[in-house]
Amino acid sequence: MPIVNVVLLEGRTQAQKDDMYKEVTDALCRTLECRPDQVRIMVQDFANADFAVAGKSVEAILAERAARTG
């Protein structure tokens, strides 16, 4: 039974996630020769304030970019 953990930053719609579930399931079934009912997908959505790159939250990085581009 394939189990996939997907980590995303906030901002994806439910429709986008639903499309991803189907595409990932299809790819796993094709490559691992399993049935769709055997596939498990877990999604963790992180707020931009709860994920950091190089010591800054993504929220702060996006705010800095927005301030530079006006």
PDB file of N, CA and C in Angstrom:
ATOM      1  N   MET A   1       0.842  -1.172   0.000  1.00  0.00           N
ATOM      2  CA  MET A   1       0.000   0.000   0.000  1.00  0.00           C
ATOM      3  C   MET A   1       0.892   1.241   0.000  1.00  0.00           C
ATOM      4  N   PRO A   2       0.903   2.009  -1.085  1.00  0.00           N
ATOM      5  CA  PRO A   2       1.682   3.249  -1.114  1.00  0.00           C
ATOM      6  C   PRO A   2       1.050   4.314  -0.212  1.00  0.00           C
ATOM      7  N   ILE A   3       1.883   4.957   0.570  1.00  0.00           N
ATOM      8  CA  ILE A   3       1.457   6.071   1.407  1.00  0.00           C
ATOM      9  C   ILE A   3       2.351   7.252   1.056  1.00  0.00           C
ATOM     10  N   VAL A   4       1.728   8.347   0.640  1.00  0.00           N
ATOM     11  CA  VAL A   4       2.469   9.534   0.212  1.00  0.00           C
ATOM     12  C   VAL A   4       2.125  10.686   1.135  1.00  0.00           C
ATOM     13  N   ASN A   5       3.147  11.394   1.585  1.00  0.00           N
ATOM     14  CA  ASN A   5       2.958  12.588   2.399  1.00  0.00           C
ATOM     15  C   ASN A   5       3.352  13.792   1.560  1.00  0.00           C
ATOM     16  N   VAL A   6       2.432  14.720   1.370  1.00  0.00           N
ATOM     17  CA  VAL A   6       2.666  15.914   0.570  1.00  0.00           C
ATOM     18  C   VAL A   6       2.616  17.121   1.503  1.00  0.00           C
ATOM     19  N   VAL A   7       3.658  17.933   1.468  1.00  0.00           N
ATOM     20  CA  VAL A   7       3.710  19.136   2.285  1.00  0.00           C
ATOM     21  C   VAL A   7       3.582  20.339   1.356  1.00  0.00           C
ATOM     22  N   LEU A   8       2.621  21.209   1.651  1.00  0.00           N
ATOM     23  CA  LEU A   8       2.363  22.388   0.829  1.00  0.00           C
ATOM     24  C   LEU A   8       2.326  23.636   1.692  1.00  0.00           C
ATOM     25  N   LEU A   9       2.684  24.738   1.090  1.00  0.00           N
ATOM     26  CA  LEU A   9       2.424  26.026   1.719  1.00  0.00           C
ATOM     27  C   LEU A   9       1.002  26.436   1.370  1.00  0.00           C
ATOM     28  N   GLU A  10       0.403  27.227   2.224  1.00  0.00           N
ATOM     29  CA  GLU A  10      -0.977  27.635   2.024  1.00  0.00           C
ATOM     30  C   GLU A  10      -1.166  28.314   0.668  1.00  0.00           C
ATOM     31  N   GLY A  11      -2.389  28.260   0.181  1.00  0.00           N
ATOM     32  CA  GLY A  11      -2.706  28.980  -1.043  1.00  0.00           C
ATOM     33  C   GLY A  11      -3.275  28.120  -2.161  1.00  0.00           C
ATOM     34  N   ARG A  12      -3.231  26.798  -2.027  1.00  0.00           N
ATOM     35  CA  ARG A  12      -3.823  25.949  -3.062  1.00  0.00           C
ATOM     36  C   ARG A  12      -5.312  25.803  -2.809  1.00  0.00           C
ATOM     37  N   THR A  13      -6.078  25.738  -3.876  1.00  0.00           N
ATOM     38  CA  THR A  13      -7.514  25.537  -3.736  1.00  0.00           C
ATOM     39  C   THR A  13      -7.800  24.052  -3.528  1.00  0.00           C
ATOM     40  N   GLN A  14      -9.006  23.763  -3.074  1.00  0.00           N
ATOM     41  CA  GLN A  14      -9.398  22.366  -2.924  1.00  0.00           C
ATOM     42  C   GLN A  14      -9.425  21.673  -4.280  1.00  0.00           C
ATOM     43  N   ALA A  15      -9.833  22.401  -5.313  1.00  0.00           N
ATOM     44  CA  ALA A  15      -9.846  21.819  -6.666  1.00  0.00           C
ATOM     45  C   ALA A  15      -8.434  21.426  -7.104  1.00  0.00           C
ATOM     46  N   GLN A  16      -7.444  22.258  -6.803  1.00  0.00           N
ATOM     47  CA  GLN A  16      -6.057  21.927  -7.139  1.00  0.00           C
ATOM     48  C   GLN A  16      -5.607  20.680  -6.391  1.00  0.00           C
ATOM     49  N   LYS A  17      -5.953  20.589  -5.122  1.00  0.00           N
ATOM     50  CA  LYS A  17      -5.578  19.416  -4.335  1.00  0.00           C
ATOM     51  C   LYS A  17      -6.274  18.167  -4.866  1.00  0.00           C
ATOM     52  N   ASP A  18      -7.547  18.290  -5.219  1.00  0.00           N
ATOM     53  CA  ASP A  18      -8.274  17.150  -5.771  1.00  0.00           C
ATOM     54  C   ASP A  18      -7.628  16.663  -7.060  1.00  0.00           C
ATOM     55  N   ASP A  19      -7.201  17.599  -7.915  1.00  0.00           N
ATOM     56  CA  ASP A  19      -6.503  17.226  -9.149  1.00  0.00           C
ATOM     57  C   ASP A  19      -5.193  16.504  -8.831  1.00  0.00           C
ATOM     58  N   MET A  20      -4.470  17.007  -7.837  1.00  0.00           N
ATOM     59  CA  MET A  20      -3.206  16.384  -7.437  1.00  0.00           C
ATOM     60  C   MET A  20      -3.442  14.972  -6.926  1.00  0.00           C
ATOM     61  N   TYR A  21      -4.499  14.766  -6.122  1.00  0.00           N
ATOM     62  CA  TYR A  21      -4.800  13.428  -5.610  1.00  0.00           C
ATOM     63  C   TYR A  21      -4.967  12.444  -6.764  1.00  0.00           C
ATOM     64  N   LYS A  22      -5.716  12.864  -7.776  1.00  0.00           N
ATOM     65  CA  LYS A  22      -5.956  11.981  -8.917  1.00  0.00           C
ATOM     66  C   LYS A  22      -4.663  11.692  -9.673  1.00  0.00           C
ATOM     67  N   GLU A  23      -3.881  12.737  -9.957  1.00  0.00           N
ATOM     68  CA  GLU A  23      -2.642  12.563 -10.724  1.00  0.00           C
ATOM     69  C   GLU A  23      -1.628  11.696  -9.973  1.00  0.00           C
ATOM     70  N   VAL A  24      -1.481  11.933  -8.677  1.00  0.00           N
ATOM     71  CA  VAL A  24      -0.535  11.134  -7.886  1.00  0.00           C
ATOM     72  C   VAL A  24      -1.012   9.687  -7.817  1.00  0.00           C
ATOM     73  N   THR A  25      -2.297   9.486  -7.594  1.00  0.00           N
ATOM     74  CA  THR A  25      -2.844   8.132  -7.549  1.00  0.00           C
ATOM     75  C   THR A  25      -2.613   7.416  -8.872  1.00  0.00           C
ATOM     76  N   ASP A  26      -2.912   8.089  -9.980  1.00  0.00           N
ATOM     77  CA  ASP A  26      -2.709   7.487 -11.303  1.00  0.00           C
ATOM     78  C   ASP A  26      -1.245   7.096 -11.512  1.00  0.00           C
ATOM     79  N   ALA A  27      -0.323   7.997 -11.134  1.00  0.00           N
ATOM     80  CA  ALA A  27       1.109   7.729 -11.325  1.00  0.00           C
ATOM     81  C   ALA A  27       1.560   6.539 -10.476  1.00  0.00           C
ATOM     82  N   LEU A  28       1.100   6.479  -9.238  1.00  0.00           N
ATOM     83  CA  LEU A  28       1.484   5.369  -8.373  1.00  0.00           C
ATOM     84  C   LEU A  28       0.920   4.047  -8.884  1.00  0.00           C
ATOM     85  N   CYS A  29      -0.307   4.059  -9.305  1.00  0.00           N
ATOM     86  CA  CYS A  29      -0.915   2.816  -9.818  1.00  0.00           C
ATOM     87  C   CYS A  29      -0.189   2.339 -11.073  1.00  0.00           C
ATOM     88  N   ARG A  30       0.168   3.261 -11.927  1.00  0.00           N
ATOM     89  CA  ARG A  30       0.868   2.911 -13.165  1.00  0.00           C
ATOM     90  C   ARG A  30       2.276   2.381 -12.884  1.00  0.00           C
ATOM     91  N   THR A  31       3.012   3.048 -12.022  1.00  0.00           N
ATOM     92  CA  THR A  31       4.413   2.686 -11.809  1.00  0.00           C
ATOM     93  C   THR A  31       4.618   1.576 -10.782  1.00  0.00           C
ATOM     94  N   LEU A  32       3.721   1.483  -9.804  1.00  0.00           N
ATOM     95  CA  LEU A  32       3.874   0.478  -8.751  1.00  0.00           C
ATOM     96  C   LEU A  32       2.911  -0.694  -8.916  1.00  0.00           C
ATOM     97  N   GLU A  33       2.096  -0.626  -9.955  1.00  0.00           N
ATOM     98  CA  GLU A  33       1.140  -1.696 -10.243  1.00  0.00           C
ATOM     99  C   GLU A  33       0.256  -2.019  -9.039  1.00  0.00           C
ATOM    100  N   CYS A  34      -0.360  -0.975  -8.509  1.00  0.00           N
ATOM    101  CA  CYS A  34      -1.285  -1.149  -7.396  1.00  0.00           C
ATOM    102  C   CYS A  34      -2.661  -0.628  -7.807  1.00  0.00           C
ATOM    103  N   ARG A  35      -3.645  -0.922  -6.980  1.00  0.00           N
ATOM    104  CA  ARG A  35      -5.001  -0.454  -7.237  1.00  0.00           C
ATOM    105  C   ARG A  35      -5.200   0.924  -6.589  1.00  0.00           C
ATOM    106  N   PRO A  36      -6.087   1.750  -7.159  1.00  0.00           N
ATOM    107  CA  PRO A  36      -6.343   3.063  -6.563  1.00  0.00           C
ATOM    108  C   PRO A  36      -6.790   2.998  -5.107  1.00  0.00           C
ATOM    109  N   ASP A  37      -7.546   1.984  -4.747  1.00  0.00           N
ATOM    110  CA  ASP A  37      -8.017   1.885  -3.364  1.00  0.00           C
ATOM    111  C   ASP A  37      -6.900   1.548  -2.373  1.00  0.00           C
ATOM    112  N   GLN A  38      -5.728   1.242  -2.880  1.00  0.00           N
ATOM    113  CA  GLN A  38      -4.585   0.958  -2.011  1.00  0.00           C
ATOM    114  C   GLN A  38      -3.734   2.206  -1.742  1.00  0.00           C
ATOM    115  N   VAL A  39      -3.988   3.273  -2.470  1.00  0.00           N
ATOM    116  CA  VAL A  39      -3.172   4.493  -2.361  1.00  0.00           C
ATOM    117  C   VAL A  39      -3.710   5.381  -1.239  1.00  0.00           C
ATOM    118  N   ARG A  40      -2.799   5.870  -0.416  1.00  0.00           N
ATOM    119  CA  ARG A  40      -3.125   6.820   0.650  1.00  0.00           C
ATOM    120  C   ARG A  40      -2.292   8.079   0.430  1.00  0.00           C
ATOM    121  N   ILE A  41      -2.938   9.228   0.494  1.00  0.00           N
ATOM    122  CA  ILE A  41      -2.235  10.505   0.326  1.00  0.00           C
ATOM    123  C   ILE A  41      -2.598  11.388   1.508  1.00  0.00           C
ATOM    124  N   MET A  42      -1.573  11.875   2.192  1.00  0.00           N
ATOM    125  CA  MET A  42      -1.767  12.787   3.316  1.00  0.00           C
ATOM    126  C   MET A  42      -1.209  14.146   2.916  1.00  0.00           C
ATOM    127  N   VAL A  43      -1.970  15.185   3.166  1.00  0.00           N
ATOM    128  CA  VAL A  43      -1.524  16.544   2.836  1.00  0.00           C
ATOM    129  C   VAL A  43      -1.401  17.346   4.120  1.00  0.00           C
ATOM    130  N   GLN A  44      -0.265  18.012   4.253  1.00  0.00           N
ATOM    131  CA  GLN A  44      -0.052  18.942   5.359  1.00  0.00           C
ATOM    132  C   GLN A  44       0.065  20.334   4.743  1.00  0.00           C
ATOM    133  N   ASP A  45      -0.844  21.221   5.112  1.00  0.00           N
ATOM    134  CA  ASP A  45      -0.777  22.604   4.666  1.00  0.00           C
ATOM    135  C   ASP A  45      -0.134  23.441   5.769  1.00  0.00           C
ATOM    136  N   PHE A  46       0.897  24.162   5.410  1.00  0.00           N
ATOM    137  CA  PHE A  46       1.551  25.042   6.370  1.00  0.00           C
ATOM    138  C   PHE A  46       1.240  26.489   6.031  1.00  0.00           C
ATOM    139  N   ALA A  47       0.960  27.265   7.049  1.00  0.00           N
ATOM    140  CA  ALA A  47       0.806  28.708   6.869  1.00  0.00           C
ATOM    141  C   ALA A  47       2.166  29.287   6.515  1.00  0.00           C
ATOM    142  N   ASN A  48       2.169  30.323   5.702  1.00  0.00           N
ATOM    143  CA  ASN A  48       3.432  30.952   5.295  1.00  0.00           C
ATOM    144  C   ASN A  48       4.238  31.431   6.501  1.00  0.00           C
ATOM    145  N   ALA A  49       3.562  31.742   7.590  1.00  0.00           N
ATOM    146  CA  ALA A  49       4.257  32.183   8.806  1.00  0.00           C
ATOM    147  C   ALA A  49       4.922  31.022   9.537  1.00  0.00           C
ATOM    148  N   ASP A  50       4.534  29.812   9.201  1.00  0.00           N
ATOM    149  CA  ASP A  50       5.048  28.634   9.903  1.00  0.00           C
ATOM    150  C   ASP A  50       6.100  27.863   9.114  1.00  0.00           C
ATOM    151  N   PHE A  51       6.620  28.465   8.056  1.00  0.00           N
ATOM    152  CA  PHE A  51       7.644  27.831   7.228  1.00  0.00           C
ATOM    153  C   PHE A  51       8.699  28.881   6.932  1.00  0.00           C
ATOM    154  N   ALA A  52       9.957  28.531   7.130  1.00  0.00           N
ATOM    155  CA  ALA A  52      11.023  29.516   6.976  1.00  0.00           C
ATOM    156  C   ALA A  52      12.080  29.041   5.996  1.00  0.00           C
ATOM    157  N   VAL A  53      12.701  30.006   5.343  1.00  0.00           N
ATOM    158  CA  VAL A  53      13.818  29.770   4.433  1.00  0.00           C
ATOM    159  C   VAL A  53      14.915  30.762   4.818  1.00  0.00           C
ATOM    160  N   ALA A  54      16.104  30.261   5.053  1.00  0.00           N
ATOM    161  CA  ALA A  54      17.251  31.110   5.384  1.00  0.00           C
ATOM    162  C   ALA A  54      16.963  32.051   6.555  1.00  0.00           C
ATOM    163  N   GLY A  55      16.247  31.540   7.539  1.00  0.00           N
ATOM    164  CA  GLY A  55      16.018  32.309   8.756  1.00  0.00           C
ATOM    165  C   GLY A  55      14.865  33.289   8.709  1.00  0.00           C
ATOM    166  N   LYS A  56      14.092  33.287   7.623  1.00  0.00           N
ATOM    167  CA  LYS A  56      12.942  34.183   7.503  1.00  0.00           C
ATOM    168  C   LYS A  56      11.719  33.370   7.135  1.00  0.00           C
ATOM    169  N   SER A  57      10.584  33.755   7.732  1.00  0.00           N
ATOM    170  CA  SER A  57       9.351  33.065   7.367  1.00  0.00           C
ATOM    171  C   SER A  57       9.002  33.394   5.918  1.00  0.00           C
ATOM    172  N   VAL A  58       8.321  32.485   5.279  1.00  0.00           N
ATOM    173  CA  VAL A  58       7.889  32.739   3.903  1.00  0.00           C
ATOM    174  C   VAL A  58       6.976  33.961   3.877  1.00  0.00           C
ATOM    175  N   GLU A  59       6.190  34.134   4.917  1.00  0.00           N
ATOM    176  CA  GLU A  59       5.328  35.315   5.018  1.00  0.00           C
ATOM    177  C   GLU A  59       6.155  36.595   4.940  1.00  0.00           C
ATOM    178  N   ALA A  60       7.261  36.656   5.685  1.00  0.00           N
ATOM    179  CA  ALA A  60       8.134  37.832   5.667  1.00  0.00           C
ATOM    180  C   ALA A  60       8.802  38.000   4.303  1.00  0.00           C
ATOM    181  N   ILE A  61       9.223  36.907   3.699  1.00  0.00           N
ATOM    182  CA  ILE A  61       9.863  36.965   2.375  1.00  0.00           C
ATOM    183  C   ILE A  61       8.892  37.509   1.341  1.00  0.00           C
ATOM    184  N   LEU A  62       7.653  37.033   1.370  1.00  0.00           N
ATOM    185  CA  LEU A  62       6.651  37.516   0.421  1.00  0.00           C
ATOM    186  C   LEU A  62       6.333  38.994   0.652  1.00  0.00           C
ATOM    187  N   ALA A  63       6.284  39.398   1.902  1.00  0.00           N
ATOM    188  CA  ALA A  63       6.024  40.820   2.226  1.00  0.00           C
ATOM    189  C   ALA A  63       7.162  41.696   1.721  1.00  0.00           C
ATOM    190  N   GLU A  64       8.395  41.227   1.875  1.00  0.00           N
ATOM    191  CA  GLU A  64       9.557  41.994   1.372  1.00  0.00           C
ATOM    192  C   GLU A  64       9.500  42.106  -0.148  1.00  0.00           C
ATOM    193  N   ARG A  65       9.166  41.037  -0.818  1.00  0.00           N
ATOM    194  CA  ARG A  65       9.060  41.073  -2.283  1.00  0.00           C
ATOM    195  C   ARG A  65       7.976  42.036  -2.731  1.00  0.00           C
ATOM    196  N   ALA A  66       6.838  41.990  -2.041  1.00  0.00           N
ATOM    197  CA  ALA A  66       5.739  42.876  -2.404  1.00  0.00           C
ATOM    198  C   ALA A  66       6.119  44.347  -2.197  1.00  0.00           C
ATOM    199  N   ALA A  67       6.867  44.631  -1.128  1.00  0.00           N
ATOM    200  CA  ALA A  67       7.295  46.003  -0.866  1.00  0.00           C
ATOM    201  C   ALA A  67       8.269  46.502  -1.936  1.00  0.00           C
ATOM    202  N   ARG A  68       9.125  45.612  -2.436  1.00  0.00           N
ATOM    203  CA  ARG A  68      10.093  45.994  -3.471  1.00  0.00           C
ATOM    204  C   ARG A  68       9.420  46.248  -4.823  1.00  0.00           C
ATOM    205  N   THR A  69       8.388  45.469  -5.108  1.00  0.00           N
ATOM    206  CA  THR A  69       7.731  45.588  -6.428  1.00  0.00           C
ATOM    207  C   THR A  69       6.607  46.602  -6.416  1.00  0.00           C
ATOM    208  N   GLY A  70       6.254  47.077  -5.226  1.00  0.00           N
ATOM    209  CA  GLY A  70       5.270  48.136  -5.101  1.00  0.00           C
ATOM    210  C   GLY A  70       3.911  47.672  -5.336  1.00  0.00           C
TER     211      GLY A  70
END
